[in-house]
Amino acid sequence: MFRKVIKCDSEITELLNRNPIRAADIGAAGGIDARWESAAKFVTWILFEPDKNAFDRLCKYNKGNNIIFNYALSNERGTKPFYFCKLDRCNSLYVPALDSCRDFDRVKDLEIEGKGIINCTTLDGLLETSKINGLDYIKLDTQGNELDILKGARKLLIQSHTFALVTEYLFLQEYKNLPSFSELHSFVTNLGYELFDMKFHYHRRSSFAEGFRFPGQIEYCDALYIKKLDVVKEISKDLVSDFVSKSVFISIFLGYPDYALSLINKAEDVHSVKLHGARRLVTLNMKFFRGIGSAGKVISYTRIITDKILCQFSARKESGSSNVGFDAFNL
């Protein structure tokens, strides 16, 4: 499968070798998203997985300089109940709400097979004691616990100016007492982020026969938030080149070259500097954004054919997912 490889000149390569992008995968049971493989040499991953079995699998197949923590993250330190489900990626600090999803075959995955007590810490506290100097990108997939984790990372998100984060949100109330999307959205935007994109995942009710094509109900989304342009006002002049160059790399990788250029323009205006390296980074990678409309049609058609074939074999899968910039652009 094709993965785009971001082209970098010698200046940006030297910068990223000296000061790599620091990315966190919180709820890393499935491993690092394969889309990031092409950027592996420029990214140091910090993985968090509270389930011991999943943690052991991550350690077994760990590559490079990735750091793996067997911790549950929350909004405060202490112990909390942890619910083990039939499907381990459904394990959560929240109690599964089986009655809310009786109409979906998802209910089988959420059946509770055990309950334990787990030690929790905050991302702010853990990074301080681990001497990890901030994060540039965060991905969260923790079955309803995302807002609590972000609350425990407030200092990090403000002081280290984490540029982008992707967080899951469960619209289908698969767990009891989940925070609302408006609570999550308000918390993140109040920290200086903008909602850039959302990928929706759908699920059909189990009462309907297999082999039909329709999306069903929204089950959850992956929401992408990126720091507003004014973040450059908070970066000191001696650090702005590194910050903007890494942020431009992330913007291009996610599929937003327009925002990358706006960020460069804003930083140059605020700090009266010329960020030639960051501009060359955009120029070198513009080929990825030419003819994307035609390519997108081919990709969509291929996925439709693949789905039809899977339906013939009654393959178990989600009803469908939307295609958005930060997902579909990375083939």
C-alpha atoms as a PDB file:
ATOM      1  CA  MET A   1       0.000   0.000   0.000  1.00  0.00           C
ATOM      2  CA  PHE A   2       1.255   3.487  -0.878  1.00  0.00           C
ATOM      3  CA  ARG A   3       2.251   5.808   1.954  1.00  0.00           C
ATOM      4  CA  LYS A   4       3.377   9.296   1.150  1.00  0.00           C
ATOM      5  CA  VAL A   5       6.881  10.101   2.328  1.00  0.00           C
ATOM      6  CA  ILE A   6       7.421  13.730   3.266  1.00  0.00           C
ATOM      7  CA  LYS A   7      10.450  15.152   1.458  1.00  0.00           C
ATOM      8  CA  CYS A   8      12.851  17.173   3.595  1.00  0.00           C
ATOM      9  CA  ASP A   9      15.954  19.137   2.657  1.00  0.00           C
ATOM     10  CA  SER A  10      19.179  18.912   4.665  1.00  0.00           C
ATOM     11  CA  GLU A  11      18.176  21.742   7.030  1.00  0.00           C
ATOM     12  CA  ILE A  12      14.861  20.168   8.063  1.00  0.00           C
ATOM     13  CA  THR A  13      16.417  16.689   8.213  1.00  0.00           C
ATOM     14  CA  GLU A  14      19.106  17.975  10.581  1.00  0.00           C
ATOM     15  CA  LEU A  15      16.472  19.731  12.703  1.00  0.00           C
ATOM     16  CA  LEU A  16      14.268  16.635  12.998  1.00  0.00           C
ATOM     17  CA  ASN A  17      17.236  14.381  13.755  1.00  0.00           C
ATOM     18  CA  ARG A  18      18.272  16.761  16.533  1.00  0.00           C
ATOM     19  CA  ASN A  19      14.761  17.509  17.791  1.00  0.00           C
ATOM     20  CA  PRO A  20      12.355  14.805  16.545  1.00  0.00           C
ATOM     21  CA  ILE A  21       8.587  15.092  16.614  1.00  0.00           C
ATOM     22  CA  ARG A  22       7.336  13.713  19.926  1.00  0.00           C
ATOM     23  CA  ALA A  23       4.024  11.912  19.544  1.00  0.00           C
ATOM     24  CA  ALA A  24       1.869  10.106  22.103  1.00  0.00           C
ATOM     25  CA  ASP A  25      -0.483   7.203  21.402  1.00  0.00           C
ATOM     26  CA  ILE A  26      -2.785   6.893  24.415  1.00  0.00           C
ATOM     27  CA  GLY A  27      -4.683   3.635  24.237  1.00  0.00           C
ATOM     28  CA  ALA A  28      -2.084   1.955  22.053  1.00  0.00           C
ATOM     29  CA  ALA A  29      -3.319  -1.638  22.134  1.00  0.00           C
ATOM     30  CA  GLY A  30      -3.493  -1.843  18.336  1.00  0.00           C
ATOM     31  CA  GLY A  31      -0.009  -0.428  17.833  1.00  0.00           C
ATOM     32  CA  ILE A  32       1.060   2.771  16.119  1.00  0.00           C
ATOM     33  CA  ASP A  33      -1.157   3.863  13.217  1.00  0.00           C
ATOM     34  CA  ALA A  34       0.415   2.425  10.047  1.00  0.00           C
ATOM     35  CA  ARG A  35       0.061   5.783   8.309  1.00  0.00           C
ATOM     36  CA  TRP A  36       2.951   7.088  10.412  1.00  0.00           C
ATOM     37  CA  GLU A  37       5.391   4.374   9.287  1.00  0.00           C
ATOM     38  CA  SER A  38       6.753   6.556   6.480  1.00  0.00           C
ATOM     39  CA  ALA A  39       7.695   9.256   9.028  1.00  0.00           C
ATOM     40  CA  ALA A  40       9.154   6.852  11.598  1.00  0.00           C
ATOM     41  CA  LYS A  41      12.729   8.164  11.410  1.00  0.00           C
ATOM     42  CA  PHE A  42      11.551  11.644  12.442  1.00  0.00           C
ATOM     43  CA  VAL A  43       9.121  10.655  15.211  1.00  0.00           C
ATOM     44  CA  THR A  44       9.671   9.417  18.763  1.00  0.00           C
ATOM     45  CA  TRP A  45       6.531   7.682  20.027  1.00  0.00           C
ATOM     46  CA  ILE A  46       5.420   7.514  23.651  1.00  0.00           C
ATOM     47  CA  LEU A  47       2.834   4.754  24.003  1.00  0.00           C
ATOM     48  CA  PHE A  48       0.392   4.263  26.896  1.00  0.00           C
ATOM     49  CA  GLU A  49      -1.489   1.014  27.436  1.00  0.00           C
ATOM     50  CA  PRO A  50      -2.953  -0.023  30.829  1.00  0.00           C
ATOM     51  CA  ASP A  51      -3.878  -3.597  29.872  1.00  0.00           C
ATOM     52  CA  LYS A  52      -0.921  -5.862  30.765  1.00  0.00           C
ATOM     53  CA  ASN A  53      -1.442  -8.319  27.904  1.00  0.00           C
ATOM     54  CA  ALA A  54      -1.663  -5.534  25.317  1.00  0.00           C
ATOM     55  CA  PHE A  55       1.346  -3.820  26.923  1.00  0.00           C
ATOM     56  CA  ASP A  56       3.408  -7.024  26.642  1.00  0.00           C
ATOM     57  CA  ARG A  57       2.497  -7.337  22.941  1.00  0.00           C
ATOM     58  CA  LEU A  58       3.590  -3.741  22.322  1.00  0.00           C
ATOM     59  CA  CYS A  59       6.931  -4.389  24.046  1.00  0.00           C
ATOM     60  CA  LYS A  60       7.478  -7.573  22.059  1.00  0.00           C
ATOM     61  CA  TYR A  61       7.084  -5.842  18.709  1.00  0.00           C
ATOM     62  CA  ASN A  62       8.557  -2.474  19.677  1.00  0.00           C
ATOM     63  CA  LYS A  63      10.771  -0.904  17.048  1.00  0.00           C
ATOM     64  CA  GLY A  64      13.109   2.054  17.223  1.00  0.00           C
ATOM     65  CA  ASN A  65      13.270   4.400  20.195  1.00  0.00           C
ATOM     66  CA  ASN A  66       9.617   4.182  21.216  1.00  0.00           C
ATOM     67  CA  ILE A  67       8.859   4.535  24.928  1.00  0.00           C
ATOM     68  CA  ILE A  68       6.058   2.354  26.325  1.00  0.00           C
ATOM     69  CA  PHE A  69       4.245   2.900  29.632  1.00  0.00           C
ATOM     70  CA  ASN A  70       1.967   0.370  31.327  1.00  0.00           C
ATOM     71  CA  TYR A  71      -0.182   3.121  32.860  1.00  0.00           C
ATOM     72  CA  ALA A  72      -3.799   4.211  32.858  1.00  0.00           C
ATOM     73  CA  LEU A  73      -4.088   7.968  32.445  1.00  0.00           C
ATOM     74  CA  SER A  74      -6.827  10.079  33.988  1.00  0.00           C
ATOM     75  CA  ASN A  75      -7.480  13.516  35.474  1.00  0.00           C
ATOM     76  CA  GLU A  76      -5.917  12.665  38.837  1.00  0.00           C
ATOM     77  CA  ARG A  77      -3.595  10.218  40.507  1.00  0.00           C
ATOM     78  CA  GLY A  78      -5.031   7.301  42.449  1.00  0.00           C
ATOM     79  CA  THR A  79      -6.785   3.997  41.913  1.00  0.00           C
ATOM     80  CA  LYS A  80      -9.922   3.421  39.845  1.00  0.00           C
ATOM     81  CA  PRO A  81     -12.017   0.414  38.802  1.00  0.00           C
ATOM     82  CA  PHE A  82     -11.100  -1.029  35.404  1.00  0.00           C
ATOM     83  CA  TYR A  83     -13.540  -3.158  33.413  1.00  0.00           C
ATOM     84  CA  PHE A  84     -12.288  -6.019  31.237  1.00  0.00           C
ATOM     85  CA  CYS A  85     -14.547  -6.760  28.285  1.00  0.00           C
ATOM     86  CA  LYS A  86     -14.903  -9.730  25.960  1.00  0.00           C
ATOM     87  CA  LEU A  87     -13.070  -7.754  23.270  1.00  0.00           C
ATOM     88  CA  ASP A  88      -9.976  -6.332  24.946  1.00  0.00           C
ATOM     89  CA  ARG A  89      -9.960  -3.107  22.953  1.00  0.00           C
ATOM     90  CA  CYS A  90     -13.276  -2.295  24.682  1.00  0.00           C
ATOM     91  CA  ASN A  91     -11.695  -2.370  28.165  1.00  0.00           C
ATOM     92  CA  SER A  92     -12.397   0.889  29.971  1.00  0.00           C
ATOM     93  CA  LEU A  93     -12.451   2.861  33.196  1.00  0.00           C
ATOM     94  CA  TYR A  94     -16.140   3.397  32.406  1.00  0.00           C
ATOM     95  CA  VAL A  95     -18.826   0.775  33.039  1.00  0.00           C
ATOM     96  CA  PRO A  96     -20.141  -0.728  29.766  1.00  0.00           C
ATOM     97  CA  ALA A  97     -23.768   0.280  29.140  1.00  0.00           C
ATOM     98  CA  LEU A  98     -25.086  -2.942  27.629  1.00  0.00           C
ATOM     99  CA  ASP A  99     -28.710  -1.784  27.586  1.00  0.00           C
ATOM    100  CA  SER A 100     -27.795   1.149  25.316  1.00  0.00           C
ATOM    101  CA  CYS A 101     -26.484  -1.077  22.544  1.00  0.00           C
ATOM    102  CA  ARG A 102     -28.709  -4.164  22.656  1.00  0.00           C
ATOM    103  CA  ASP A 103     -29.758  -3.446  19.072  1.00  0.00           C
ATOM    104  CA  PHE A 104     -26.165  -3.703  17.842  1.00  0.00           C
ATOM    105  CA  ASP A 105     -23.882  -6.729  17.684  1.00  0.00           C
ATOM    106  CA  ARG A 106     -21.418  -4.496  19.536  1.00  0.00           C
ATOM    107  CA  VAL A 107     -23.066  -5.627  22.763  1.00  0.00           C
ATOM    108  CA  LYS A 108     -21.188  -8.939  22.554  1.00  0.00           C
ATOM    109  CA  ASP A 109     -17.838  -7.153  22.599  1.00  0.00           C
ATOM    110  CA  LEU A 110     -18.810  -5.100  25.651  1.00  0.00           C
ATOM    111  CA  GLU A 111     -19.768  -8.008  27.891  1.00  0.00           C
ATOM    112  CA  ILE A 112     -17.864  -7.653  31.173  1.00  0.00           C
ATOM    113  CA  GLU A 113     -15.520 -10.554  31.828  1.00  0.00           C
ATOM    114  CA  GLY A 114     -13.761  -9.116  34.839  1.00  0.00           C
ATOM    115  CA  LYS A 115     -13.171  -6.097  37.043  1.00  0.00           C
ATOM    116  CA  GLY A 116      -9.971  -4.912  38.632  1.00  0.00           C
ATOM    117  CA  ILE A 117      -8.419  -1.945  40.366  1.00  0.00           C
ATOM    118  CA  ILE A 118      -5.847  -0.036  38.372  1.00  0.00           C
ATOM    119  CA  ASN A 119      -3.366   2.701  39.270  1.00  0.00           C
ATOM    120  CA  CYS A 120      -3.946   5.946  37.402  1.00  0.00           C
ATOM    121  CA  THR A 121      -1.745   8.955  36.890  1.00  0.00           C
ATOM    122  CA  THR A 122      -1.934  12.180  34.907  1.00  0.00           C
ATOM    123  CA  LEU A 123      -0.090  12.886  31.688  1.00  0.00           C
ATOM    124  CA  ASP A 124       1.265  16.092  33.211  1.00  0.00           C
ATOM    125  CA  GLY A 125       2.680  14.238  36.215  1.00  0.00           C
ATOM    126  CA  LEU A 126       4.100  11.330  34.257  1.00  0.00           C
ATOM    127  CA  LEU A 127       5.895  13.476  31.700  1.00  0.00           C
ATOM    128  CA  GLU A 128       7.432  15.605  34.448  1.00  0.00           C
ATOM    129  CA  THR A 129       8.883  12.599  36.270  1.00  0.00           C
ATOM    130  CA  SER A 130       9.972  10.946  33.019  1.00  0.00           C
ATOM    131  CA  LYS A 131      11.837  14.053  31.818  1.00  0.00           C
ATOM    132  CA  ILE A 132      10.005  13.983  28.466  1.00  0.00           C
ATOM    133  CA  ASN A 133      10.133  17.508  27.114  1.00  0.00           C
ATOM    134  CA  GLY A 134       6.622  18.064  25.786  1.00  0.00           C
ATOM    135  CA  LEU A 135       4.593  16.512  22.966  1.00  0.00           C
ATOM    136  CA  ASP A 136       3.869  17.727  19.441  1.00  0.00           C
ATOM    137  CA  TYR A 137       1.038  15.325  18.577  1.00  0.00           C
ATOM    138  CA  ILE A 138      -1.377  13.256  20.675  1.00  0.00           C
ATOM    139  CA  LYS A 139      -3.788  10.502  19.668  1.00  0.00           C
ATOM    140  CA  LEU A 140      -6.387   9.298  22.209  1.00  0.00           C
ATOM    141  CA  ASP A 141      -8.526   6.156  21.997  1.00  0.00           C
ATOM    142  CA  THR A 142      -9.499   5.145  25.533  1.00  0.00           C
ATOM    143  CA  GLN A 143     -13.153   4.125  25.364  1.00  0.00           C
ATOM    144  CA  GLY A 144     -14.712   7.212  26.911  1.00  0.00           C
ATOM    145  CA  ASN A 145     -11.849   8.380  29.130  1.00  0.00           C
ATOM    146  CA  GLU A 146     -10.470  10.949  26.674  1.00  0.00           C
ATOM    147  CA  LEU A 147     -11.755  14.091  28.414  1.00  0.00           C
ATOM    148  CA  ASP A 148     -10.405  13.016  31.814  1.00  0.00           C
ATOM    149  CA  ILE A 149      -6.992  12.380  30.245  1.00  0.00           C
ATOM    150  CA  LEU A 150      -6.973  15.799  28.596  1.00  0.00           C
ATOM    151  CA  LYS A 151      -7.888  17.411  31.913  1.00  0.00           C
ATOM    152  CA  GLY A 152      -4.849  15.695  33.390  1.00  0.00           C
ATOM    153  CA  ALA A 153      -2.723  17.095  30.553  1.00  0.00           C
ATOM    154  CA  ARG A 154      -3.808  20.724  30.813  1.00  0.00           C
ATOM    155  CA  LYS A 155      -0.330  22.009  31.718  1.00  0.00           C
ATOM    156  CA  LEU A 156       1.233  20.062  28.851  1.00  0.00           C
ATOM    157  CA  LEU A 157      -1.263  21.324  26.276  1.00  0.00           C
ATOM    158  CA  ILE A 158      -0.747  24.938  27.337  1.00  0.00           C
ATOM    159  CA  GLN A 159       2.968  25.126  28.121  1.00  0.00           C
ATOM    160  CA  SER A 160       4.448  22.747  25.531  1.00  0.00           C
ATOM    161  CA  HIS A 161       2.067  24.004  22.814  1.00  0.00           C
ATOM    162  CA  THR A 162       1.111  20.531  21.573  1.00  0.00           C
ATOM    163  CA  PHE A 163       0.277  21.312  17.956  1.00  0.00           C
ATOM    164  CA  ALA A 164      -2.314  18.661  17.051  1.00  0.00           C
ATOM    165  CA  LEU A 165      -4.412  16.017  18.735  1.00  0.00           C
ATOM    166  CA  VAL A 166      -6.814  13.356  17.502  1.00  0.00           C
ATOM    167  CA  THR A 167      -9.374  12.133  19.992  1.00  0.00           C
ATOM    168  CA  GLU A 168     -12.058   9.520  19.765  1.00  0.00           C
ATOM    169  CA  TYR A 169     -15.565  10.353  20.933  1.00  0.00           C
ATOM    170  CA  LEU A 170     -18.348   7.775  21.405  1.00  0.00           C
ATOM    171  CA  PHE A 171     -21.677   9.135  20.197  1.00  0.00           C
ATOM    172  CA  LEU A 172     -23.329   5.792  20.820  1.00  0.00           C
ATOM    173  CA  GLN A 173     -23.397   5.649  24.617  1.00  0.00           C
ATOM    174  CA  GLU A 174     -21.583   2.337  24.986  1.00  0.00           C
ATOM    175  CA  TYR A 175     -20.496   3.197  28.527  1.00  0.00           C
ATOM    176  CA  LYS A 176     -22.359   4.738  31.436  1.00  0.00           C
ATOM    177  CA  ASN A 177     -22.054   8.427  32.351  1.00  0.00           C
ATOM    178  CA  LEU A 178     -19.912   9.463  29.410  1.00  0.00           C
ATOM    179  CA  PRO A 179     -19.202  13.198  29.094  1.00  0.00           C
ATOM    180  CA  SER A 180     -20.989  14.934  26.233  1.00  0.00           C
ATOM    181  CA  PHE A 181     -19.219  15.916  23.032  1.00  0.00           C
ATOM    182  CA  SER A 182     -19.883  19.575  23.860  1.00  0.00           C
ATOM    183  CA  GLU A 183     -17.936  19.146  27.125  1.00  0.00           C
ATOM    184  CA  LEU A 184     -14.988  17.633  25.279  1.00  0.00           C
ATOM    185  CA  HIS A 185     -15.128  20.214  22.496  1.00  0.00           C
ATOM    186  CA  SER A 186     -15.391  23.165  24.906  1.00  0.00           C
ATOM    187  CA  PHE A 187     -12.457  21.969  26.991  1.00  0.00           C
ATOM    188  CA  VAL A 188     -10.165  21.541  23.977  1.00  0.00           C
ATOM    189  CA  THR A 189     -11.128  24.765  22.198  1.00  0.00           C
ATOM    190  CA  ASN A 190     -10.694  26.759  25.411  1.00  0.00           C
ATOM    191  CA  LEU A 191      -7.051  25.656  25.327  1.00  0.00           C
ATOM    192  CA  GLY A 192      -6.530  27.336  21.961  1.00  0.00           C
ATOM    193  CA  TYR A 193      -7.429  24.570  19.514  1.00  0.00           C
ATOM    194  CA  GLU A 194      -9.701  24.560  16.478  1.00  0.00           C
ATOM    195  CA  LEU A 195     -11.756  21.595  15.299  1.00  0.00           C
ATOM    196  CA  PHE A 196     -10.292  20.766  11.884  1.00  0.00           C
ATOM    197  CA  ASP A 197     -11.855  17.503  10.822  1.00  0.00           C
ATOM    198  CA  MET A 198     -13.907  14.529  11.937  1.00  0.00           C
ATOM    199  CA  LYS A 199     -13.981  10.969  10.700  1.00  0.00           C
ATOM    200  CA  PHE A 200     -17.295   9.295  11.494  1.00  0.00           C
ATOM    201  CA  HIS A 201     -17.683   5.545  11.993  1.00  0.00           C
ATOM    202  CA  TYR A 202     -21.114   3.946  11.587  1.00  0.00           C
ATOM    203  CA  HIS A 203     -22.781   0.776  12.795  1.00  0.00           C
ATOM    204  CA  ARG A 204     -25.929  -0.992  11.639  1.00  0.00           C
ATOM    205  CA  ARG A 205     -28.404  -2.650  13.932  1.00  0.00           C
ATOM    206  CA  SER A 206     -28.113  -6.424  14.144  1.00  0.00           C
ATOM    207  CA  SER A 207     -31.807  -6.867  13.298  1.00  0.00           C
ATOM    208  CA  PHE A 208     -31.059  -6.158   9.611  1.00  0.00           C
ATOM    209  CA  ALA A 209     -29.694  -8.842   7.313  1.00  0.00           C
ATOM    210  CA  GLU A 210     -26.116  -8.737   6.064  1.00  0.00           C
ATOM    211  CA  GLY A 211     -25.282  -7.967   2.447  1.00  0.00           C
ATOM    212  CA  PHE A 212     -26.911  -4.525   2.201  1.00  0.00           C
ATOM    213  CA  ARG A 213     -25.092  -1.219   1.823  1.00  0.00           C
ATOM    214  CA  PHE A 214     -26.190   1.644   4.050  1.00  0.00           C
ATOM    215  CA  PRO A 215     -24.269   3.398   6.813  1.00  0.00           C
ATOM    216  CA  GLY A 216     -26.430   2.891   9.875  1.00  0.00           C
ATOM    217  CA  GLN A 217     -26.024   5.098  12.937  1.00  0.00           C
ATOM    218  CA  ILE A 218     -22.942   7.071  13.953  1.00  0.00           C
ATOM    219  CA  GLU A 219     -21.101   5.025  16.545  1.00  0.00           C
ATOM    220  CA  TYR A 220     -18.061   7.212  17.175  1.00  0.00           C
ATOM    221  CA  CYS A 221     -15.765   9.741  15.560  1.00  0.00           C
ATOM    222  CA  ASP A 222     -12.098  10.619  15.447  1.00  0.00           C
ATOM    223  CA  ALA A 223     -11.891  14.396  15.876  1.00  0.00           C
ATOM    224  CA  LEU A 224      -8.801  16.327  14.806  1.00  0.00           C
ATOM    225  CA  TYR A 225      -7.910  19.522  16.674  1.00  0.00           C
ATOM    226  CA  ILE A 226      -5.031  21.838  15.716  1.00  0.00           C
ATOM    227  CA  LYS A 227      -3.651  24.852  17.583  1.00  0.00           C
ATOM    228  CA  LYS A 228      -4.851  28.242  16.352  1.00  0.00           C
ATOM    229  CA  LEU A 229      -2.368  30.396  14.444  1.00  0.00           C
ATOM    230  CA  ASP A 230      -1.971  32.752  17.401  1.00  0.00           C
ATOM    231  CA  VAL A 231       0.023  30.017  19.159  1.00  0.00           C
ATOM    232  CA  VAL A 232       3.159  31.480  17.523  1.00  0.00           C
ATOM    233  CA  LYS A 233       2.779  34.564  19.740  1.00  0.00           C
ATOM    234  CA  GLU A 234       3.470  32.298  22.734  1.00  0.00           C
ATOM    235  CA  ILE A 235       6.665  30.834  21.225  1.00  0.00           C
ATOM    236  CA  SER A 236       9.938  32.629  21.905  1.00  0.00           C
ATOM    237  CA  LYS A 237      11.865  33.876  18.880  1.00  0.00           C
ATOM    238  CA  ASP A 238      14.765  31.465  19.453  1.00  0.00           C
ATOM    239  CA  LEU A 239      12.388  28.458  19.403  1.00  0.00           C
ATOM    240  CA  VAL A 240       9.980  29.516  16.675  1.00  0.00           C
ATOM    241  CA  SER A 241      11.921  27.925  13.797  1.00  0.00           C
ATOM    242  CA  ASP A 242      11.879  24.460  15.396  1.00  0.00           C
ATOM    243  CA  PHE A 243       8.229  24.776  16.435  1.00  0.00           C
ATOM    244  CA  VAL A 244       6.998  25.957  13.042  1.00  0.00           C
ATOM    245  CA  SER A 245       9.083  23.436  11.079  1.00  0.00           C
ATOM    246  CA  LYS A 246       7.726  20.490  13.082  1.00  0.00           C
ATOM    247  CA  SER A 247       4.178  21.881  12.934  1.00  0.00           C
ATOM    248  CA  VAL A 248       4.461  22.348   9.157  1.00  0.00           C
ATOM    249  CA  PHE A 249       5.639  18.743   8.822  1.00  0.00           C
ATOM    250  CA  ILE A 250       2.600  17.548  10.809  1.00  0.00           C
ATOM    251  CA  SER A 251       0.246  19.805   8.810  1.00  0.00           C
ATOM    252  CA  ILE A 252       1.506  18.448   5.494  1.00  0.00           C
ATOM    253  CA  PHE A 253       1.389  14.883   6.753  1.00  0.00           C
ATOM    254  CA  LEU A 254      -2.235  15.303   7.859  1.00  0.00           C
ATOM    255  CA  GLY A 255      -3.175  16.979   4.570  1.00  0.00           C
ATOM    256  CA  TYR A 256      -3.347  20.727   5.303  1.00  0.00           C
ATOM    257  CA  PRO A 257      -0.687  22.592   3.276  1.00  0.00           C
ATOM    258  CA  ASP A 258      -2.802  25.755   3.359  1.00  0.00           C
ATOM    259  CA  TYR A 259      -2.620  25.855   7.147  1.00  0.00           C
ATOM    260  CA  ALA A 260       1.115  25.171   7.009  1.00  0.00           C
ATOM    261  CA  LEU A 261       1.632  28.279   4.871  1.00  0.00           C
ATOM    262  CA  SER A 262      -0.641  30.388   7.076  1.00  0.00           C
ATOM    263  CA  LEU A 263       1.349  29.282  10.127  1.00  0.00           C
ATOM    264  CA  ILE A 264       4.624  30.281   8.442  1.00  0.00           C
ATOM    265  CA  ASN A 265       3.221  33.679   7.432  1.00  0.00           C
ATOM    266  CA  LYS A 266       1.916  34.328  10.934  1.00  0.00           C
ATOM    267  CA  ALA A 267       5.192  33.376  12.614  1.00  0.00           C
ATOM    268  CA  GLU A 268       7.252  35.504  10.225  1.00  0.00           C
ATOM    269  CA  ASP A 269       4.988  38.480  10.836  1.00  0.00           C
ATOM    270  CA  VAL A 270       4.947  38.126  14.631  1.00  0.00           C
ATOM    271  CA  HIS A 271       8.677  37.507  15.099  1.00  0.00           C
ATOM    272  CA  SER A 272      10.069  39.440  12.088  1.00  0.00           C
ATOM    273  CA  VAL A 273      11.991  36.398  10.860  1.00  0.00           C
ATOM    274  CA  LYS A 274      12.269  34.453   7.602  1.00  0.00           C
ATOM    275  CA  LEU A 275      11.517  30.740   7.887  1.00  0.00           C
ATOM    276  CA  HIS A 276      13.064  29.577   4.628  1.00  0.00           C
ATOM    277  CA  GLY A 277      13.403  25.951   5.740  1.00  0.00           C
ATOM    278  CA  ALA A 278       9.719  25.642   6.608  1.00  0.00           C
ATOM    279  CA  ARG A 279       8.730  27.229   3.276  1.00  0.00           C
ATOM    280  CA  ARG A 280      10.947  24.810   1.353  1.00  0.00           C
ATOM    281  CA  LEU A 281       9.290  21.953   3.235  1.00  0.00           C
ATOM    282  CA  VAL A 282       5.919  23.017   1.820  1.00  0.00           C
ATOM    283  CA  THR A 283       7.303  23.549  -1.685  1.00  0.00           C
ATOM    284  CA  LEU A 284       9.027  20.158  -1.774  1.00  0.00           C
ATOM    285  CA  ASN A 285       5.774  18.376  -0.971  1.00  0.00           C
ATOM    286  CA  MET A 286       3.227  20.228  -3.093  1.00  0.00           C
ATOM    287  CA  LYS A 287       3.061  17.299  -5.522  1.00  0.00           C
ATOM    288  CA  PHE A 288       0.935  15.414  -2.999  1.00  0.00           C
ATOM    289  CA  PHE A 289      -1.807  18.007  -3.338  1.00  0.00           C
ATOM    290  CA  ARG A 290      -2.056  18.128  -7.124  1.00  0.00           C
ATOM    291  CA  GLY A 291      -4.848  16.078  -8.658  1.00  0.00           C
ATOM    292  CA  ILE A 292      -6.063  14.886  -5.275  1.00  0.00           C
ATOM    293  CA  GLY A 293      -9.683  15.049  -6.484  1.00  0.00           C
ATOM    294  CA  SER A 294      -9.158  12.377  -9.155  1.00  0.00           C
ATOM    295  CA  ALA A 295      -7.084  10.248  -6.815  1.00  0.00           C
ATOM    296  CA  GLY A 296      -9.799  10.481  -4.187  1.00  0.00           C
ATOM    297  CA  LYS A 297     -12.391   9.157  -6.646  1.00  0.00           C
ATOM    298  CA  VAL A 298     -10.208   6.157  -7.469  1.00  0.00           C
ATOM    299  CA  ILE A 299      -9.654   5.446  -3.770  1.00  0.00           C
ATOM    300  CA  SER A 300     -13.378   5.714  -2.987  1.00  0.00           C
ATOM    301  CA  TYR A 301     -14.297   3.424  -5.888  1.00  0.00           C
ATOM    302  CA  THR A 302     -11.716   0.844  -4.759  1.00  0.00           C
ATOM    303  CA  ARG A 303     -13.139   0.885  -1.230  1.00  0.00           C
ATOM    304  CA  ILE A 304     -16.693   0.411  -2.531  1.00  0.00           C
ATOM    305  CA  ILE A 305     -15.640  -2.650  -4.564  1.00  0.00           C
ATOM    306  CA  THR A 306     -13.738  -4.047  -1.564  1.00  0.00           C
ATOM    307  CA  ASP A 307     -16.788  -3.568   0.685  1.00  0.00           C
ATOM    308  CA  LYS A 308     -19.001  -5.358  -1.814  1.00  0.00           C
ATOM    309  CA  ILE A 309     -16.643  -8.321  -1.900  1.00  0.00           C
ATOM    310  CA  LEU A 310     -16.516  -8.437   1.901  1.00  0.00           C
ATOM    311  CA  CYS A 311     -20.307  -8.384   2.064  1.00  0.00           C
ATOM    312  CA  GLN A 312     -20.463 -11.493  -0.101  1.00  0.00           C
ATOM    313  CA  PHE A 313     -18.501 -13.349   2.544  1.00  0.00           C
ATOM    314  CA  SER A 314     -20.513 -11.768   5.397  1.00  0.00           C
ATOM    315  CA  ALA A 315     -17.291 -10.348   6.810  1.00  0.00           C
ATOM    316  CA  ARG A 316     -17.861  -8.724  10.193  1.00  0.00           C
ATOM    317  CA  LYS A 317     -17.037  -5.040   9.966  1.00  0.00           C
ATOM    318  CA  GLU A 318     -18.264  -1.584  10.787  1.00  0.00           C
ATOM    319  CA  SER A 319     -21.005  -0.349   8.512  1.00  0.00           C
ATOM    320  CA  GLY A 320     -18.707   2.299   7.113  1.00  0.00           C
ATOM    321  CA  SER A 321     -16.544   5.318   7.739  1.00  0.00           C
ATOM    322  CA  SER A 322     -16.409   8.782   6.265  1.00  0.00           C
ATOM    323  CA  ASN A 323     -13.364   9.854   4.278  1.00  0.00           C
ATOM    324  CA  VAL A 324     -11.776  13.077   5.506  1.00  0.00           C
ATOM    325  CA  GLY A 325      -8.534  14.959   4.994  1.00  0.00           C
ATOM    326  CA  PHE A 326      -6.420  13.659   7.839  1.00  0.00           C
ATOM    327  CA  ASP A 327      -7.540  10.074   7.130  1.00  0.00           C
ATOM    328  CA  ALA A 328      -8.272   9.600   3.438  1.00  0.00           C
ATOM    329  CA  PHE A 329      -5.361  11.742   2.277  1.00  0.00           C
ATOM    330  CA  ASN A 330      -2.903   9.302   3.864  1.00  0.00           C
ATOM    331  CA  LEU A 331      -3.637   6.337   1.622  1.00  0.00           C
END
